[in-house]
């Protein structure tokens, strides 16, 4: 993907280091259904305007079976069935 394609998908990067124009950093928070929040970071490195590498924190483990935001999670109504 190009820089502009990344910007369309993820938005503008939170950080663009002045001395590392080939790196974009994103930070996001994941809020569980319980209200607990975890922060995750993603660093995208470019070479010749294309993604060269992506380094990212792992996605959070699902600690709640009814958390609809996690893969395999089900809304509370479906969990009671």
Protein backbone atom coordinates (compact mmCIF):
# COMPACT_ATOMS: atom_id res chain seq x y z
CA UNK A 1 0.00 0.00 0.00
CA UNK A 2 1.07 3.57 -0.56
CA UNK A 3 1.17 6.27 2.12
CA UNK A 4 -2.07 7.76 0.82
CA UNK A 5 -3.81 4.37 0.93
CA UNK A 6 -2.67 3.91 4.54
CA UNK A 7 -3.94 7.39 5.37
CA UNK A 8 -7.35 6.53 3.85
CA UNK A 9 -7.61 3.31 5.91
CA UNK A 10 -6.07 4.38 9.24
CA UNK A 11 -6.24 8.17 9.07
CA UNK A 12 -3.37 10.54 9.65
CA UNK A 13 -0.61 9.16 11.85
CA UNK A 14 -0.40 10.34 15.43
CA UNK A 15 3.36 10.76 15.18
CA UNK A 16 5.57 11.54 12.21
CA UNK A 17 9.16 11.81 13.46
CA UNK A 18 11.04 14.70 11.83
CA UNK A 19 14.18 12.65 11.34
CA UNK A 20 12.39 9.42 10.34
CA UNK A 21 10.04 10.43 7.51
CA UNK A 22 9.80 6.77 6.55
CA UNK A 23 7.91 5.86 9.76
CA UNK A 24 4.32 6.56 10.81
CA UNK A 25 3.10 5.75 14.33
CA UNK A 26 -0.46 5.10 15.42
CA UNK A 27 -1.77 4.64 18.96
CA UNK A 28 -5.24 3.39 19.79
CA UNK A 29 -7.14 2.30 22.86
CA UNK A 30 -9.30 -0.81 23.04
CA UNK A 31 -12.16 -0.59 25.51
CA UNK A 32 -13.63 -3.87 26.72
CA UNK A 33 -17.33 -4.23 27.48
CA UNK A 34 -16.40 -4.15 31.18
CA UNK A 35 -14.97 -0.64 30.71
CA UNK A 36 -11.33 -1.73 31.04
CA UNK A 37 -9.08 -0.07 28.44
CA UNK A 38 -5.81 -1.23 26.89
CA UNK A 39 -3.51 0.82 24.66
CA UNK A 40 -2.00 -0.62 21.47
CA UNK A 41 0.66 0.83 19.15
CA UNK A 42 1.36 0.35 15.45
CA UNK A 43 4.47 1.54 13.58
CA UNK A 44 4.44 1.48 9.79
CA UNK A 45 7.74 1.79 7.94
CA UNK A 46 7.79 2.90 4.31
CA UNK A 47 10.34 2.46 1.54
CA UNK A 48 9.88 4.27 -1.76
CA UNK A 49 6.39 5.38 -0.65
CA UNK A 50 5.22 1.77 -0.08
CA UNK A 51 4.80 -0.17 3.17
CA UNK A 52 8.01 -2.02 3.95
CA UNK A 53 7.18 -3.35 7.45
CA UNK A 54 4.47 -3.11 10.07
CA UNK A 55 5.26 -3.57 13.75
CA UNK A 56 2.21 -3.77 15.99
CA UNK A 57 1.26 -4.77 19.50
CA UNK A 58 -0.89 -7.92 19.57
CA UNK A 59 -4.64 -7.51 19.74
CA UNK A 60 -6.09 -8.01 23.24
CA UNK A 61 -7.28 -11.42 24.32
CA UNK A 62 -11.01 -11.67 24.86
CA UNK A 63 -11.69 -11.76 28.57
CA UNK A 64 -15.45 -11.56 28.16
CA UNK A 65 -17.40 -14.10 26.10
CA UNK A 66 -20.10 -11.57 25.28
CA UNK A 67 -17.77 -8.80 24.06
CA UNK A 68 -19.09 -8.19 20.51
CA UNK A 69 -15.97 -6.24 19.53
CA UNK A 70 -13.64 -9.24 19.67
CA UNK A 71 -13.48 -12.06 17.12
CA UNK A 72 -15.95 -14.72 18.15
CA UNK A 73 -17.63 -12.40 20.66
CA UNK A 74 -21.39 -12.38 20.85
CA UNK A 75 -23.81 -9.68 21.95
CA UNK A 76 -25.23 -10.19 25.45
CA UNK A 77 -28.62 -11.35 24.10
CA UNK A 78 -27.00 -14.08 22.00
CA UNK A 79 -24.81 -15.20 24.91
CA UNK A 80 -27.85 -16.03 27.05
CA UNK A 81 -29.25 -18.52 24.54
